[in-house]
């Protein structure tokens, strides 16, 4: 199976990785996305804002590959502060419903000591099952 890179322009040019890889079948593997914009700078020090931007970055990769939010089957969320995540849940939940409705992928939340990007408070990776076609 060959894999095709999926790198939406709005995420900026990745260096040393791809934002996503799509197989010839239905699978899309989305690399860990943090809360940054196209300039690859963290958008805010606010946990909820970073989380929402990371979700939007995941969705940008899914959309670029021809998918929809409901095609996301699995997400792993890495956070540096469990208490910050818990405190931000109302804002995260509201943003989630705007983007996904009542679709909830299989998910895991992992608390980590730090993330690679300075200032990043969360990182989200995902796997989607897409309609069969090459983006």
N, C-alpha and C. Protein backbone atom coordinates (compact mmCIF):
# COMPACT_ATOMS: atom_id res chain seq x y z
N UNK A 1 0.85 -1.17 0.00
CA UNK A 1 0.00 0.00 0.00
C UNK A 1 0.90 1.23 0.00
N UNK A 2 0.57 2.18 -0.85
CA UNK A 2 1.31 3.44 -0.80
C UNK A 2 0.51 4.45 0.00
N UNK A 3 1.22 5.34 0.64
CA UNK A 3 0.59 6.37 1.45
C UNK A 3 0.82 7.73 0.80
N UNK A 4 -0.22 8.55 0.79
CA UNK A 4 -0.13 9.88 0.20
C UNK A 4 -0.16 10.93 1.30
N UNK A 5 0.76 11.90 1.28
CA UNK A 5 0.76 12.95 2.29
C UNK A 5 -0.46 13.85 2.13
N UNK A 6 -0.97 14.33 3.28
CA UNK A 6 -2.07 15.30 3.31
C UNK A 6 -1.58 16.46 4.17
N UNK A 7 -1.31 17.58 3.51
CA UNK A 7 -0.75 18.76 4.19
C UNK A 7 -1.52 20.01 3.76
N UNK A 8 -2.61 20.34 4.47
CA UNK A 8 -3.38 21.53 4.10
C UNK A 8 -2.54 22.80 4.19
N UNK A 9 -2.70 23.68 3.22
CA UNK A 9 -1.93 24.92 3.20
C UNK A 9 -2.13 25.74 4.46
N UNK A 10 -3.35 25.73 5.03
CA UNK A 10 -3.63 26.58 6.19
C UNK A 10 -2.86 26.16 7.44
N UNK A 11 -2.21 25.00 7.42
CA UNK A 11 -1.42 24.57 8.57
C UNK A 11 0.06 24.92 8.41
N UNK A 12 0.42 25.50 7.29
CA UNK A 12 1.83 25.81 7.06
C UNK A 12 2.57 24.57 6.60
N UNK A 13 3.78 24.77 6.15
CA UNK A 13 4.58 23.66 5.63
C UNK A 13 5.18 22.86 6.78
N UNK A 14 4.86 21.57 6.89
CA UNK A 14 5.47 20.77 7.95
C UNK A 14 6.95 20.51 7.65
N UNK A 15 7.72 20.34 8.70
CA UNK A 15 9.14 20.04 8.55
C UNK A 15 9.46 18.78 9.33
N UNK A 16 9.83 17.74 8.62
CA UNK A 16 10.20 16.49 9.26
C UNK A 16 9.02 15.58 9.57
N UNK A 17 7.84 15.89 9.07
CA UNK A 17 6.65 15.06 9.28
C UNK A 17 5.60 15.46 8.26
N UNK A 18 4.52 14.72 8.17
CA UNK A 18 3.34 15.10 7.39
C UNK A 18 2.20 15.29 8.37
N UNK A 19 1.27 16.21 8.05
CA UNK A 19 0.11 16.40 8.90
C UNK A 19 -0.82 15.19 8.85
N UNK A 20 -0.83 14.50 7.74
CA UNK A 20 -1.64 13.29 7.61
C UNK A 20 -1.09 12.41 6.51
N UNK A 21 -1.44 11.14 6.57
CA UNK A 21 -1.11 10.18 5.52
C UNK A 21 -2.38 9.41 5.17
N UNK A 22 -2.69 9.37 3.89
CA UNK A 22 -3.88 8.66 3.44
C UNK A 22 -3.45 7.45 2.64
N UNK A 23 -4.03 6.30 2.99
CA UNK A 23 -3.76 5.08 2.25
C UNK A 23 -4.67 4.97 1.05
N UNK A 24 -4.42 3.99 0.21
CA UNK A 24 -5.23 3.80 -0.98
C UNK A 24 -6.63 3.29 -0.63
N UNK A 25 -6.83 2.86 0.57
CA UNK A 25 -8.14 2.41 1.00
C UNK A 25 -8.88 3.54 1.66
N UNK A 26 -9.26 3.33 2.89
CA UNK A 26 -10.13 4.27 3.59
C UNK A 26 -9.45 4.98 4.75
N UNK A 27 -8.23 4.63 5.08
CA UNK A 27 -7.60 5.11 6.30
C UNK A 27 -6.88 6.44 6.11
N UNK A 28 -7.05 7.33 7.09
CA UNK A 28 -6.29 8.57 7.16
C UNK A 28 -5.71 8.66 8.56
N UNK A 29 -4.40 8.79 8.65
CA UNK A 29 -3.71 8.92 9.93
C UNK A 29 -3.29 10.37 10.08
N UNK A 30 -3.84 11.05 11.09
CA UNK A 30 -3.56 12.47 11.30
C UNK A 30 -2.51 12.59 12.39
N UNK A 31 -1.41 13.25 12.06
CA UNK A 31 -0.33 13.48 13.02
C UNK A 31 -0.83 14.36 14.16
N UNK A 32 -0.13 14.32 15.27
CA UNK A 32 -0.48 15.15 16.40
C UNK A 32 -0.52 16.62 16.01
N UNK A 33 -1.64 17.26 16.31
CA UNK A 33 -1.84 18.67 15.99
C UNK A 33 -1.91 19.46 17.29
N UNK A 34 -1.21 20.57 17.33
CA UNK A 34 -1.25 21.46 18.49
C UNK A 34 -2.05 22.70 18.12
N UNK A 35 -2.24 23.57 19.10
CA UNK A 35 -3.03 24.77 18.90
C UNK A 35 -2.24 25.90 18.29
N UNK A 36 -1.80 25.72 17.05
CA UNK A 36 -1.09 26.80 16.38
C UNK A 36 -1.74 27.11 15.05
N UNK A 37 -1.40 28.31 14.54
CA UNK A 37 -1.92 28.77 13.27
C UNK A 37 -0.93 28.49 12.16
N UNK A 38 -1.21 29.03 10.95
CA UNK A 38 -0.35 28.78 9.79
C UNK A 38 1.08 29.26 9.98
N UNK A 39 1.28 30.22 10.88
CA UNK A 39 2.63 30.70 11.16
C UNK A 39 3.37 29.77 12.11
N UNK A 40 2.72 28.70 12.50
CA UNK A 40 3.26 27.70 13.42
C UNK A 40 3.68 28.32 14.74
N UNK A 41 2.81 29.22 15.22
CA UNK A 41 2.95 29.81 16.55
C UNK A 41 1.69 29.48 17.33
N UNK A 42 1.87 29.13 18.59
CA UNK A 42 0.74 28.80 19.46
C UNK A 42 -0.20 30.01 19.53
N UNK A 43 -1.52 29.75 19.37
CA UNK A 43 -2.49 30.84 19.24
C UNK A 43 -2.78 31.57 20.54
N UNK A 44 -2.59 30.91 21.68
CA UNK A 44 -2.97 31.52 22.95
C UNK A 44 -2.38 30.68 24.08
N UNK A 45 -2.31 31.26 25.27
CA UNK A 45 -1.90 30.49 26.44
C UNK A 45 -3.13 29.88 27.14
N UNK A 46 -4.32 30.15 26.61
CA UNK A 46 -5.57 29.61 27.16
C UNK A 46 -5.76 28.17 26.71
N UNK A 47 -6.01 27.26 27.66
CA UNK A 47 -6.12 25.85 27.33
C UNK A 47 -7.24 25.59 26.33
N UNK A 48 -8.44 26.13 26.59
CA UNK A 48 -9.58 25.87 25.70
C UNK A 48 -9.30 26.37 24.28
N UNK A 49 -8.71 27.54 24.15
CA UNK A 49 -8.40 28.07 22.82
C UNK A 49 -7.40 27.17 22.09
N UNK A 50 -6.41 26.68 22.80
CA UNK A 50 -5.44 25.77 22.17
C UNK A 50 -6.12 24.47 21.76
N UNK A 51 -6.96 23.92 22.65
CA UNK A 51 -7.64 22.67 22.35
C UNK A 51 -8.50 22.82 21.09
N UNK A 52 -9.29 23.88 21.04
CA UNK A 52 -10.18 24.10 19.90
C UNK A 52 -9.36 24.26 18.62
N UNK A 53 -8.27 25.00 18.67
CA UNK A 53 -7.43 25.17 17.48
C UNK A 53 -6.82 23.84 17.06
N UNK A 54 -6.40 23.02 18.02
CA UNK A 54 -5.85 21.70 17.68
C UNK A 54 -6.91 20.85 16.99
N UNK A 55 -8.15 20.88 17.49
CA UNK A 55 -9.25 20.16 16.84
C UNK A 55 -9.45 20.69 15.43
N UNK A 56 -9.46 22.01 15.28
CA UNK A 56 -9.63 22.60 13.94
C UNK A 56 -8.51 22.18 13.00
N UNK A 57 -7.30 22.05 13.52
CA UNK A 57 -6.17 21.60 12.69
C UNK A 57 -6.35 20.14 12.28
N UNK A 58 -6.84 19.30 13.20
CA UNK A 58 -7.16 17.91 12.84
C UNK A 58 -8.21 17.90 11.74
N UNK A 59 -9.26 18.70 11.91
CA UNK A 59 -10.33 18.74 10.92
C UNK A 59 -9.84 19.27 9.58
N UNK A 60 -8.88 20.20 9.57
CA UNK A 60 -8.33 20.70 8.31
C UNK A 60 -7.68 19.56 7.53
N UNK A 61 -6.96 18.69 8.22
CA UNK A 61 -6.33 17.55 7.56
C UNK A 61 -7.40 16.60 7.03
N UNK A 62 -8.41 16.31 7.84
CA UNK A 62 -9.49 15.41 7.43
C UNK A 62 -10.21 15.99 6.20
N UNK A 63 -10.54 17.27 6.24
CA UNK A 63 -11.21 17.91 5.10
C UNK A 63 -10.33 17.87 3.85
N UNK A 64 -9.04 18.13 4.00
CA UNK A 64 -8.12 18.13 2.86
C UNK A 64 -8.04 16.76 2.21
N UNK A 65 -8.31 15.72 2.97
CA UNK A 65 -8.29 14.35 2.44
C UNK A 65 -9.66 13.91 1.92
N UNK A 66 -10.63 14.81 1.97
CA UNK A 66 -11.96 14.48 1.46
C UNK A 66 -12.92 13.95 2.51
N UNK A 67 -12.58 14.11 3.78
CA UNK A 67 -13.42 13.58 4.85
C UNK A 67 -14.24 14.63 5.56
N UNK A 68 -15.02 14.15 6.52
CA UNK A 68 -15.86 15.00 7.36
C UNK A 68 -15.57 14.67 8.81
N UNK A 69 -16.01 15.52 9.73
CA UNK A 69 -15.78 15.23 11.15
C UNK A 69 -16.29 13.85 11.56
N UNK A 70 -17.42 13.43 10.99
CA UNK A 70 -18.02 12.14 11.36
C UNK A 70 -17.21 10.95 10.86
N UNK A 71 -16.20 11.19 10.04
CA UNK A 71 -15.33 10.11 9.56
C UNK A 71 -14.22 9.80 10.56
N UNK A 72 -14.03 10.64 11.56
CA UNK A 72 -12.98 10.41 12.55
C UNK A 72 -13.42 9.27 13.47
N UNK A 73 -12.60 8.23 13.52
CA UNK A 73 -12.93 7.04 14.30
C UNK A 73 -12.23 7.01 15.65
N UNK A 74 -11.05 7.65 15.74
CA UNK A 74 -10.26 7.58 16.97
C UNK A 74 -9.48 8.86 17.14
N UNK A 75 -9.39 9.30 18.40
CA UNK A 75 -8.56 10.46 18.74
C UNK A 75 -7.80 10.15 20.02
N UNK A 76 -6.56 10.59 20.05
CA UNK A 76 -5.79 10.56 21.29
C UNK A 76 -5.42 12.00 21.61
N UNK A 77 -5.77 12.42 22.82
CA UNK A 77 -5.51 13.79 23.27
C UNK A 77 -4.43 13.73 24.33
N UNK A 78 -3.36 14.47 24.12
CA UNK A 78 -2.28 14.57 25.09
C UNK A 78 -2.37 15.94 25.74
N UNK A 79 -2.38 15.99 27.06
CA UNK A 79 -2.45 17.26 27.78
C UNK A 79 -1.33 17.33 28.81
N UNK A 80 -0.88 18.56 29.07
CA UNK A 80 0.18 18.74 30.07
C UNK A 80 -0.37 19.04 31.45
N UNK A 81 -1.69 19.30 31.53
CA UNK A 81 -2.29 19.69 32.81
C UNK A 81 -3.73 19.19 32.86
N UNK A 82 -3.95 18.12 33.61
CA UNK A 82 -5.29 17.53 33.71
C UNK A 82 -6.29 18.53 34.29
N UNK A 83 -5.89 19.28 35.29
CA UNK A 83 -6.80 20.25 35.92
C UNK A 83 -7.22 21.33 34.92
N UNK A 84 -6.32 21.76 34.06
CA UNK A 84 -6.66 22.76 33.04
C UNK A 84 -7.66 22.19 32.05
N UNK A 85 -7.48 20.92 31.69
CA UNK A 85 -8.45 20.27 30.79
C UNK A 85 -9.82 20.21 31.45
N UNK A 86 -9.87 19.76 32.69
CA UNK A 86 -11.15 19.64 33.39
C UNK A 86 -11.82 21.01 33.51
N UNK A 87 -11.08 22.04 33.83
CA UNK A 87 -11.63 23.39 33.96
C UNK A 87 -12.16 23.92 32.63
N UNK A 88 -11.54 23.50 31.53
CA UNK A 88 -11.93 24.00 30.20
C UNK A 88 -13.03 23.18 29.56
N UNK A 89 -13.49 22.11 30.20
CA UNK A 89 -14.47 21.22 29.58
C UNK A 89 -15.74 21.91 29.09
N UNK A 90 -16.31 22.88 29.80
CA UNK A 90 -17.51 23.52 29.24
C UNK A 90 -17.24 24.21 27.89
N UNK A 91 -16.15 24.94 27.79
CA UNK A 91 -15.81 25.61 26.53
C UNK A 91 -15.45 24.59 25.45
N UNK A 92 -14.71 23.55 25.84
CA UNK A 92 -14.35 22.49 24.89
C UNK A 92 -15.62 21.80 24.38
N UNK A 93 -16.53 21.49 25.29
CA UNK A 93 -17.78 20.82 24.91
C UNK A 93 -18.60 21.63 23.93
N UNK A 94 -18.71 22.94 24.17
CA UNK A 94 -19.48 23.81 23.27
C UNK A 94 -18.84 23.83 21.88
N UNK A 95 -17.52 23.97 21.84
CA UNK A 95 -16.82 23.98 20.55
C UNK A 95 -16.93 22.62 19.86
N UNK A 96 -16.87 21.55 20.63
CA UNK A 96 -16.99 20.20 20.08
C UNK A 96 -18.34 20.04 19.38
N UNK A 97 -19.42 20.43 20.07
CA UNK A 97 -20.75 20.28 19.49
C UNK A 97 -20.91 21.09 18.21
N UNK A 98 -20.27 22.25 18.12
CA UNK A 98 -20.32 23.06 16.90
C UNK A 98 -19.67 22.34 15.73
N UNK A 99 -18.64 21.56 16.01
CA UNK A 99 -17.88 20.92 14.94
C UNK A 99 -18.31 19.49 14.66
N UNK A 100 -18.71 18.76 15.70
CA UNK A 100 -18.99 17.33 15.56
C UNK A 100 -20.45 16.95 15.82
N UNK A 101 -21.24 17.86 16.36
CA UNK A 101 -22.59 17.48 16.75
C UNK A 101 -22.50 16.45 17.87
N UNK A 102 -23.18 15.33 17.68
CA UNK A 102 -23.17 14.28 18.70
C UNK A 102 -22.25 13.11 18.31
N UNK A 103 -21.32 13.37 17.41
CA UNK A 103 -20.35 12.32 17.02
C UNK A 103 -19.19 12.31 18.01
N UNK A 104 -18.94 11.16 18.59
CA UNK A 104 -17.84 11.00 19.55
C UNK A 104 -16.99 9.81 19.13
N UNK A 105 -15.79 10.06 18.62
CA UNK A 105 -14.90 8.96 18.26
C UNK A 105 -14.44 8.21 19.52
N UNK A 106 -13.86 7.04 19.31
CA UNK A 106 -13.17 6.37 20.41
C UNK A 106 -12.02 7.29 20.80
N UNK A 107 -11.90 7.58 22.10
CA UNK A 107 -10.92 8.58 22.53
C UNK A 107 -10.14 8.12 23.74
N UNK A 108 -8.96 8.68 23.85
CA UNK A 108 -8.13 8.52 25.05
C UNK A 108 -7.54 9.87 25.38
N UNK A 109 -7.41 10.15 26.67
CA UNK A 109 -6.75 11.36 27.14
C UNK A 109 -5.55 10.92 27.95
N UNK A 110 -4.38 11.43 27.58
CA UNK A 110 -3.13 11.05 28.23
C UNK A 110 -2.47 12.30 28.79
N UNK A 111 -2.14 12.27 30.06
CA UNK A 111 -1.44 13.38 30.69
C UNK A 111 0.06 13.13 30.53
N UNK A 112 0.74 14.14 29.98
CA UNK A 112 2.18 14.04 29.73
C UNK A 112 2.91 15.17 30.43
N UNK A 113 4.18 15.00 30.63
CA UNK A 113 4.98 16.02 31.30
C UNK A 113 5.16 17.25 30.43
N UNK A 114 5.37 17.06 29.14
CA UNK A 114 5.58 18.18 28.23
C UNK A 114 5.31 17.72 26.81
N UNK A 115 5.13 18.69 25.92
CA UNK A 115 4.99 18.43 24.49
C UNK A 115 6.17 19.06 23.77
N UNK A 116 6.42 18.63 22.57
CA UNK A 116 7.59 19.11 21.83
C UNK A 116 7.56 20.62 21.59
N UNK A 117 6.39 21.15 21.22
CA UNK A 117 6.29 22.58 20.90
C UNK A 117 6.22 23.40 22.18
N UNK A 118 7.10 24.38 22.32
CA UNK A 118 7.09 25.26 23.49
C UNK A 118 5.74 25.95 23.59
N UNK A 119 5.16 25.95 24.77
CA UNK A 119 3.89 26.61 25.01
C UNK A 119 2.67 25.79 24.68
N UNK A 120 2.84 24.63 24.05
CA UNK A 120 1.70 23.78 23.72
C UNK A 120 1.18 23.10 24.98
N UNK A 121 -0.12 23.20 25.20
CA UNK A 121 -0.76 22.59 26.36
C UNK A 121 -1.48 21.30 26.02
N UNK A 122 -1.77 21.09 24.72
CA UNK A 122 -2.41 19.86 24.29
C UNK A 122 -1.99 19.54 22.87
N UNK A 123 -2.13 18.28 22.53
CA UNK A 123 -1.84 17.79 21.18
C UNK A 123 -2.84 16.69 20.89
N UNK A 124 -3.38 16.67 19.67
CA UNK A 124 -4.41 15.71 19.31
C UNK A 124 -4.00 14.99 18.04
N UNK A 125 -4.02 13.66 18.09
CA UNK A 125 -3.82 12.86 16.88
C UNK A 125 -5.10 12.07 16.62
N UNK A 126 -5.30 11.67 15.37
CA UNK A 126 -6.56 11.03 15.02
C UNK A 126 -6.38 10.03 13.90
N UNK A 127 -7.36 9.14 13.79
CA UNK A 127 -7.47 8.22 12.67
C UNK A 127 -8.88 8.35 12.13
N UNK A 128 -9.00 8.51 10.82
CA UNK A 128 -10.31 8.62 10.20
C UNK A 128 -10.48 7.49 9.19
N UNK A 129 -11.72 7.12 8.96
CA UNK A 129 -12.10 6.14 7.95
C UNK A 129 -12.90 6.92 6.92
N UNK A 130 -12.32 7.10 5.74
CA UNK A 130 -12.87 8.00 4.72
C UNK A 130 -13.53 7.24 3.58
N UNK A 131 -14.31 7.97 2.78
CA UNK A 131 -14.84 7.36 1.56
C UNK A 131 -13.67 6.90 0.69
N UNK A 132 -13.86 5.82 -0.03
CA UNK A 132 -12.75 5.26 -0.80
C UNK A 132 -12.47 6.08 -2.06
N UNK A 133 -11.44 6.88 -1.98
CA UNK A 133 -10.90 7.63 -3.10
C UNK A 133 -9.60 8.25 -2.64
N UNK A 134 -8.75 8.61 -3.55
CA UNK A 134 -7.48 9.23 -3.20
C UNK A 134 -7.67 10.74 -3.28
N UNK A 135 -7.25 11.43 -2.20
CA UNK A 135 -7.38 12.90 -2.17
C UNK A 135 -6.40 13.53 -3.13
